[in-house]
Amino acid sequence: AVGSQGYFKFKLAQRSGNQAGDIIVHRASIYFDNNSPLLTNQAKVLIIDSAINTGFVNLTDENEVRIFPNPTDGVFEVMCKEAGSIKVCDIAGKSVTGNGLVAGVNLIDISQYPAGVYFLSIFTNRWSKTYKVLKK
């Protein structure tokens, strides 16, 4: 039998001395009762601007995608090592925009859509992954 497939979230506060370009590597230990801890996957956070503590960018080794800022006012950057395609859907799964994706920086504009959660699906020849973007 498979146990819970739940999730948790946590906040990360910067220490003084972090500079733009620094990467913070972290993982958590989750304790249930008196059992040994469960270790989470390792996560990486790239510091974009040491004066700002919002808009952290999650990095993963397998796909090298960066989304900034998130949350967004409507326009955000998607940085990707590989070309491919991108599709943005609202919380109901309705496609709101889709484009080709170039290797490098891509600007995505969802400013004409209401505030809420959007799902950003990225497809390349080698992989595909979906990210969550919050529009304020």
N, C-alpha and C. Protein backbone atom coordinates (compact mmCIF):
# COMPACT_ATOMS: atom_id res chain seq x y z
N ALA A 1 0.84 -1.19 0.00
CA ALA A 1 0.00 0.00 0.00
C ALA A 1 0.88 1.24 0.00
N VAL A 2 0.46 2.24 -0.73
CA VAL A 2 1.20 3.49 -0.81
C VAL A 2 0.66 4.44 0.24
N GLY A 3 1.56 5.08 0.97
CA GLY A 3 1.16 6.03 2.01
C GLY A 3 0.75 7.36 1.42
N SER A 4 0.71 8.35 2.24
CA SER A 4 0.32 9.69 1.84
C SER A 4 1.22 10.23 0.74
N GLN A 5 0.65 10.97 -0.16
CA GLN A 5 1.40 11.63 -1.22
C GLN A 5 1.34 13.15 -0.99
N GLY A 6 1.35 13.56 0.26
CA GLY A 6 1.21 14.97 0.62
C GLY A 6 2.45 15.78 0.31
N TYR A 7 2.44 17.01 0.73
CA TYR A 7 3.56 17.91 0.52
C TYR A 7 3.68 18.85 1.70
N PHE A 8 4.76 19.59 1.73
CA PHE A 8 4.92 20.62 2.74
C PHE A 8 5.67 21.76 2.08
N LYS A 9 5.63 22.92 2.71
CA LYS A 9 6.41 24.04 2.20
C LYS A 9 7.11 24.71 3.36
N PHE A 10 8.13 25.46 3.04
CA PHE A 10 8.88 26.16 4.06
C PHE A 10 9.37 27.47 3.48
N LYS A 11 9.79 28.36 4.35
CA LYS A 11 10.32 29.65 3.92
C LYS A 11 11.83 29.64 4.10
N LEU A 12 12.49 30.42 3.29
CA LEU A 12 13.93 30.51 3.32
C LEU A 12 14.30 31.97 3.51
N ALA A 13 15.07 32.26 4.53
CA ALA A 13 15.54 33.63 4.78
C ALA A 13 17.02 33.70 4.43
N GLN A 14 17.40 34.77 3.77
CA GLN A 14 18.80 34.93 3.39
C GLN A 14 19.65 35.32 4.58
N ARG A 15 20.86 34.83 4.58
CA ARG A 15 21.87 35.31 5.53
C ARG A 15 22.56 36.52 4.93
N SER A 16 23.07 37.38 5.79
CA SER A 16 23.81 38.52 5.26
C SER A 16 25.06 37.99 4.57
N GLY A 17 25.45 38.65 3.50
CA GLY A 17 26.64 38.24 2.77
C GLY A 17 26.34 37.47 1.50
N ASN A 18 25.07 37.02 1.30
CA ASN A 18 24.73 36.36 0.04
C ASN A 18 24.81 37.38 -1.08
N GLN A 19 25.34 36.94 -2.21
CA GLN A 19 25.49 37.82 -3.36
C GLN A 19 24.67 37.27 -4.52
N ALA A 20 24.31 38.15 -5.46
CA ALA A 20 23.63 37.70 -6.68
C ALA A 20 24.51 36.64 -7.34
N GLY A 21 23.89 35.54 -7.75
CA GLY A 21 24.63 34.45 -8.37
C GLY A 21 24.94 33.31 -7.42
N ASP A 22 24.85 33.56 -6.09
CA ASP A 22 25.07 32.48 -5.11
C ASP A 22 23.95 31.46 -5.23
N ILE A 23 24.29 30.20 -5.00
CA ILE A 23 23.28 29.14 -5.00
C ILE A 23 23.26 28.52 -3.61
N ILE A 24 22.06 28.48 -3.02
CA ILE A 24 21.87 27.87 -1.70
C ILE A 24 21.33 26.47 -1.92
N VAL A 25 22.03 25.47 -1.39
CA VAL A 25 21.62 24.08 -1.52
C VAL A 25 21.07 23.64 -0.17
N HIS A 26 19.89 23.00 -0.18
CA HIS A 26 19.30 22.60 1.08
C HIS A 26 18.42 21.37 0.90
N ARG A 27 18.12 20.71 2.01
CA ARG A 27 17.17 19.60 2.08
C ARG A 27 16.62 19.59 3.49
N ALA A 28 15.52 18.91 3.67
CA ALA A 28 14.87 18.87 4.98
C ALA A 28 14.78 17.43 5.48
N SER A 29 14.74 17.28 6.78
CA SER A 29 14.48 16.00 7.43
C SER A 29 13.10 16.08 8.06
N ILE A 30 12.23 15.14 7.71
CA ILE A 30 10.86 15.15 8.22
C ILE A 30 10.72 13.99 9.21
N TYR A 31 10.27 14.31 10.41
CA TYR A 31 10.15 13.31 11.47
C TYR A 31 8.68 12.99 11.72
N PHE A 32 8.36 11.70 11.77
CA PHE A 32 7.03 11.22 12.15
C PHE A 32 7.19 10.36 13.40
N ASP A 33 6.57 10.76 14.46
CA ASP A 33 6.65 10.03 15.73
C ASP A 33 8.11 9.84 16.12
N ASN A 34 8.49 8.64 16.53
CA ASN A 34 9.87 8.38 16.94
C ASN A 34 10.65 7.63 15.87
N ASN A 35 10.17 7.66 14.63
CA ASN A 35 10.83 6.96 13.52
C ASN A 35 12.02 7.76 13.00
N SER A 36 12.86 7.10 12.23
CA SER A 36 13.98 7.79 11.58
C SER A 36 13.43 8.84 10.63
N PRO A 37 14.18 9.92 10.39
CA PRO A 37 13.67 10.99 9.53
C PRO A 37 13.62 10.56 8.06
N LEU A 38 12.68 11.14 7.33
CA LEU A 38 12.64 11.01 5.88
C LEU A 38 13.34 12.24 5.31
N LEU A 39 14.26 12.04 4.39
CA LEU A 39 14.99 13.16 3.79
C LEU A 39 14.30 13.58 2.50
N THR A 40 14.12 14.88 2.31
CA THR A 40 13.54 15.39 1.07
C THR A 40 14.61 15.39 -0.01
N ASN A 41 14.16 15.61 -1.24
CA ASN A 41 15.12 15.79 -2.33
C ASN A 41 15.91 17.06 -2.08
N GLN A 42 17.10 17.11 -2.63
CA GLN A 42 17.92 18.31 -2.50
C GLN A 42 17.34 19.39 -3.41
N ALA A 43 17.25 20.60 -2.90
CA ALA A 43 16.75 21.74 -3.68
C ALA A 43 17.83 22.79 -3.76
N LYS A 44 17.81 23.56 -4.83
CA LYS A 44 18.77 24.64 -5.03
C LYS A 44 18.01 25.93 -5.27
N VAL A 45 18.50 27.02 -4.68
CA VAL A 45 17.90 28.33 -4.87
C VAL A 45 18.99 29.27 -5.35
N LEU A 46 18.74 29.94 -6.46
CA LEU A 46 19.67 30.90 -7.03
C LEU A 46 19.30 32.29 -6.54
N ILE A 47 20.25 33.02 -5.97
CA ILE A 47 20.01 34.40 -5.54
C ILE A 47 20.15 35.29 -6.78
N ILE A 48 19.03 35.91 -7.18
CA ILE A 48 19.03 36.79 -8.35
C ILE A 48 19.55 38.18 -7.97
N ASP A 49 19.05 38.70 -6.86
CA ASP A 49 19.45 40.03 -6.39
C ASP A 49 19.51 39.95 -4.88
N SER A 50 20.66 40.20 -4.30
CA SER A 50 20.82 40.03 -2.86
C SER A 50 20.00 41.04 -2.06
N ALA A 51 19.47 42.09 -2.70
CA ALA A 51 18.65 43.08 -2.00
C ALA A 51 17.18 42.67 -1.97
N ILE A 52 16.81 41.63 -2.70
CA ILE A 52 15.42 41.19 -2.79
C ILE A 52 15.33 39.80 -2.20
N ASN A 53 14.28 39.54 -1.42
CA ASN A 53 14.14 38.18 -0.88
C ASN A 53 12.88 37.50 -1.41
N THR A 54 12.37 37.96 -2.56
CA THR A 54 11.26 37.28 -3.21
C THR A 54 11.69 36.90 -4.61
N GLY A 55 10.92 36.06 -5.26
CA GLY A 55 11.22 35.68 -6.63
C GLY A 55 12.36 34.68 -6.73
N PHE A 56 12.57 33.86 -5.71
CA PHE A 56 13.63 32.85 -5.80
C PHE A 56 13.38 31.96 -6.99
N VAL A 57 14.43 31.44 -7.56
CA VAL A 57 14.35 30.60 -8.74
C VAL A 57 14.79 29.20 -8.37
N ASN A 58 13.94 28.21 -8.58
CA ASN A 58 14.32 26.84 -8.33
C ASN A 58 15.12 26.31 -9.51
N LEU A 59 16.23 25.64 -9.23
CA LEU A 59 17.04 25.02 -10.26
C LEU A 59 16.99 23.52 -10.08
N THR A 60 16.93 22.80 -11.17
CA THR A 60 17.04 21.35 -11.10
C THR A 60 18.08 20.91 -12.10
N ASP A 61 18.86 19.94 -11.75
CA ASP A 61 19.97 19.52 -12.59
C ASP A 61 19.53 18.98 -13.94
N GLU A 62 18.38 18.29 -13.98
CA GLU A 62 18.03 17.62 -15.22
C GLU A 62 17.51 18.54 -16.31
N ASN A 63 17.02 19.73 -15.99
CA ASN A 63 16.46 20.53 -17.07
C ASN A 63 16.93 21.97 -17.15
N GLU A 64 17.57 22.49 -16.12
CA GLU A 64 18.15 23.84 -16.18
C GLU A 64 17.16 24.90 -16.67
N VAL A 65 16.03 25.04 -15.99
CA VAL A 65 15.04 26.07 -16.30
C VAL A 65 14.99 27.06 -15.15
N ARG A 66 14.90 28.33 -15.47
CA ARG A 66 14.76 29.37 -14.45
C ARG A 66 13.57 30.23 -14.81
N ILE A 67 12.71 30.50 -13.83
CA ILE A 67 11.52 31.33 -14.03
C ILE A 67 11.61 32.49 -13.04
N PHE A 68 11.53 33.74 -13.56
CA PHE A 68 11.70 34.90 -12.69
C PHE A 68 10.94 36.08 -13.26
N PRO A 69 10.27 36.90 -12.50
CA PRO A 69 9.95 36.71 -11.09
C PRO A 69 8.73 35.79 -10.95
N ASN A 70 8.66 35.15 -9.84
CA ASN A 70 7.53 34.28 -9.51
C ASN A 70 7.31 34.39 -8.02
N PRO A 71 6.25 35.08 -7.56
CA PRO A 71 5.08 35.56 -8.28
C PRO A 71 5.41 36.70 -9.25
N THR A 72 4.50 36.89 -10.21
CA THR A 72 4.71 37.88 -11.26
C THR A 72 3.51 38.83 -11.34
N ASP A 73 3.76 40.02 -11.88
CA ASP A 73 2.67 40.95 -12.17
C ASP A 73 2.06 40.67 -13.55
N GLY A 74 2.69 39.77 -14.30
CA GLY A 74 2.16 39.40 -15.62
C GLY A 74 3.22 39.04 -16.62
N VAL A 75 4.36 39.72 -16.59
CA VAL A 75 5.45 39.43 -17.51
C VAL A 75 6.58 38.78 -16.71
N PHE A 76 7.05 37.63 -17.20
CA PHE A 76 8.14 36.94 -16.52
C PHE A 76 9.07 36.30 -17.55
N GLU A 77 10.27 36.00 -17.10
CA GLU A 77 11.28 35.39 -17.95
C GLU A 77 11.34 33.89 -17.70
N VAL A 78 11.50 33.14 -18.77
CA VAL A 78 11.78 31.72 -18.70
C VAL A 78 13.13 31.52 -19.36
N MET A 79 14.11 31.11 -18.58
CA MET A 79 15.44 30.86 -19.11
C MET A 79 15.64 29.35 -19.21
N CYS A 80 16.04 28.89 -20.39
CA CYS A 80 16.15 27.46 -20.65
C CYS A 80 17.39 27.19 -21.48
N LYS A 81 18.08 26.09 -21.20
CA LYS A 81 19.27 25.72 -21.96
C LYS A 81 18.93 25.19 -23.35
N GLU A 82 17.72 24.65 -23.51
CA GLU A 82 17.34 24.01 -24.76
C GLU A 82 16.13 24.69 -25.39
N ALA A 83 16.06 24.64 -26.71
CA ALA A 83 14.88 25.11 -27.43
C ALA A 83 13.78 24.08 -27.30
N GLY A 84 12.55 24.53 -27.46
CA GLY A 84 11.41 23.63 -27.38
C GLY A 84 10.14 24.42 -27.54
N SER A 85 9.14 24.08 -26.73
CA SER A 85 7.88 24.83 -26.75
C SER A 85 7.38 25.00 -25.33
N ILE A 86 6.48 25.97 -25.18
CA ILE A 86 5.95 26.31 -23.87
C ILE A 86 4.44 26.48 -24.00
N LYS A 87 3.72 26.03 -22.99
CA LYS A 87 2.27 26.17 -22.96
C LYS A 87 1.88 26.65 -21.57
N VAL A 88 1.04 27.67 -21.49
CA VAL A 88 0.57 28.20 -20.20
C VAL A 88 -0.92 27.94 -20.09
N CYS A 89 -1.32 27.29 -18.98
CA CYS A 89 -2.73 26.98 -18.74
C CYS A 89 -3.17 27.60 -17.42
N ASP A 90 -4.45 27.97 -17.35
CA ASP A 90 -4.99 28.49 -16.10
C ASP A 90 -5.29 27.32 -15.15
N ILE A 91 -5.80 27.64 -13.98
CA ILE A 91 -6.04 26.62 -12.95
C ILE A 91 -7.07 25.58 -13.41
N ALA A 92 -7.95 25.95 -14.36
CA ALA A 92 -8.96 25.02 -14.88
C ALA A 92 -8.40 24.15 -16.00
N GLY A 93 -7.14 24.40 -16.41
CA GLY A 93 -6.53 23.61 -17.47
C GLY A 93 -6.70 24.19 -18.86
N LYS A 94 -7.34 25.37 -18.96
CA LYS A 94 -7.54 26.03 -20.25
C LYS A 94 -6.24 26.70 -20.70
N SER A 95 -5.83 26.42 -21.93
CA SER A 95 -4.61 27.02 -22.47
C SER A 95 -4.84 28.51 -22.69
N VAL A 96 -3.93 29.35 -22.15
CA VAL A 96 -4.05 30.79 -22.33
C VAL A 96 -3.01 31.33 -23.30
N THR A 97 -1.90 30.65 -23.44
CA THR A 97 -0.88 31.05 -24.41
C THR A 97 0.08 29.90 -24.64
N GLY A 98 0.74 29.94 -25.76
CA GLY A 98 1.74 28.94 -26.08
C GLY A 98 2.67 29.50 -27.14
N ASN A 99 3.94 29.19 -27.04
CA ASN A 99 4.94 29.74 -27.94
C ASN A 99 6.04 28.72 -28.18
N GLY A 100 6.86 29.02 -29.17
CA GLY A 100 8.12 28.31 -29.29
C GLY A 100 9.03 28.81 -28.19
N LEU A 101 9.97 28.00 -27.79
CA LEU A 101 10.91 28.35 -26.72
C LEU A 101 12.31 28.32 -27.29
N VAL A 102 13.05 29.42 -27.18
CA VAL A 102 14.43 29.45 -27.66
C VAL A 102 15.36 29.11 -26.51
N ALA A 103 16.53 28.62 -26.82
CA ALA A 103 17.56 28.42 -25.80
C ALA A 103 17.99 29.82 -25.36
N GLY A 104 17.90 30.11 -24.09
CA GLY A 104 18.21 31.44 -23.57
C GLY A 104 17.00 32.02 -22.87
N VAL A 105 16.83 33.34 -22.98
CA VAL A 105 15.77 34.04 -22.26
C VAL A 105 14.53 34.20 -23.14
N ASN A 106 13.38 33.86 -22.59
CA ASN A 106 12.08 33.99 -23.25
C ASN A 106 11.18 34.83 -22.35
N LEU A 107 10.52 35.83 -22.90
CA LEU A 107 9.57 36.64 -22.13
C LEU A 107 8.16 36.10 -22.36
N ILE A 108 7.45 35.86 -21.28
CA ILE A 108 6.07 35.38 -21.33
C ILE A 108 5.19 36.45 -20.71
N ASP A 109 4.10 36.79 -21.38
CA ASP A 109 3.20 37.84 -20.90
C ASP A 109 1.81 37.27 -20.66
N ILE A 110 1.41 37.22 -19.39
CA ILE A 110 0.05 36.81 -19.03
C ILE A 110 -0.68 37.96 -18.33
N SER A 111 -0.24 39.20 -18.59
CA SER A 111 -0.79 40.36 -17.90
C SER A 111 -2.28 40.58 -18.21
N GLN A 112 -2.77 40.12 -19.36
CA GLN A 112 -4.18 40.32 -19.70
C GLN A 112 -5.10 39.32 -19.02
N TYR A 113 -4.54 38.35 -18.31
CA TYR A 113 -5.34 37.33 -17.64
C TYR A 113 -5.48 37.65 -16.16
N PRO A 114 -6.53 37.14 -15.50
CA PRO A 114 -6.75 37.46 -14.09
C PRO A 114 -5.67 36.87 -13.16
N ALA A 115 -5.58 37.44 -11.98
CA ALA A 115 -4.65 36.93 -10.97
C ALA A 115 -5.02 35.49 -10.63
N GLY A 116 -4.01 34.71 -10.30
CA GLY A 116 -4.25 33.32 -9.92
C GLY A 116 -3.06 32.45 -10.22
N VAL A 117 -3.27 31.15 -10.16
CA VAL A 117 -2.23 30.16 -10.41
C VAL A 117 -2.29 29.74 -11.87
N TYR A 118 -1.13 29.69 -12.51
CA TYR A 118 -1.01 29.23 -13.90
C TYR A 118 0.03 28.12 -13.95
N PHE A 119 -0.17 27.19 -14.87
CA PHE A 119 0.76 26.09 -15.04
C PHE A 119 1.51 26.27 -16.35
N LEU A 120 2.81 26.24 -16.25
CA LEU A 120 3.71 26.48 -17.36
C LEU A 120 4.34 25.13 -17.73
N SER A 121 3.96 24.59 -18.88
CA SER A 121 4.51 23.31 -19.33
C SER A 121 5.58 23.58 -20.38
N ILE A 122 6.75 23.01 -20.17
CA ILE A 122 7.87 23.18 -21.10
C ILE A 122 8.19 21.81 -21.69
N PHE A 123 8.34 21.80 -23.02
CA PHE A 123 8.62 20.56 -23.75
C PHE A 123 9.88 20.76 -24.60
N THR A 124 10.83 19.84 -24.49
CA THR A 124 12.00 19.83 -25.37
C THR A 124 12.07 18.44 -25.99
N ASN A 125 13.08 18.20 -26.80
CA ASN A 125 13.25 16.87 -27.40
C ASN A 125 13.62 15.82 -26.36
N ARG A 126 14.22 16.25 -25.24
CA ARG A 126 14.70 15.29 -24.24
C ARG A 126 13.81 15.16 -23.01
N TRP A 127 13.02 16.18 -22.67
CA TRP A 127 12.25 16.15 -21.43
C TRP A 127 11.07 17.11 -21.52
N SER A 128 10.18 16.96 -20.56
CA SER A 128 9.09 17.92 -20.38
C SER A 128 8.83 18.04 -18.89
N LYS A 129 8.39 19.22 -18.48
CA LYS A 129 8.12 19.45 -17.07
C LYS A 129 7.12 20.59 -16.95
N THR A 130 6.32 20.55 -15.88
CA THR A 130 5.34 21.60 -15.62
C THR A 130 5.70 22.34 -14.35
N TYR A 131 5.60 23.67 -14.39
CA TYR A 131 5.92 24.54 -13.27
C TYR A 131 4.68 25.33 -12.90
N LYS A 132 4.64 25.80 -11.67
CA LYS A 132 3.53 26.64 -11.21
C LYS A 132 4.01 28.09 -11.16
N VAL A 133 3.20 29.00 -11.72
CA VAL A 133 3.50 30.43 -11.70
C VAL A 133 2.31 31.14 -11.07
N LEU A 134 2.57 32.03 -10.14
CA LEU A 134 1.52 32.80 -9.48
C LEU A 134 1.48 34.20 -10.04
N LYS A 135 0.32 34.60 -10.57
CA LYS A 135 0.14 35.98 -11.05
C LYS A 135 -0.58 36.76 -9.97
N LYS A 136 0.03 37.88 -9.55
CA LYS A 136 -0.54 38.72 -8.50
C LYS A 136 -1.67 39.57 -9.06
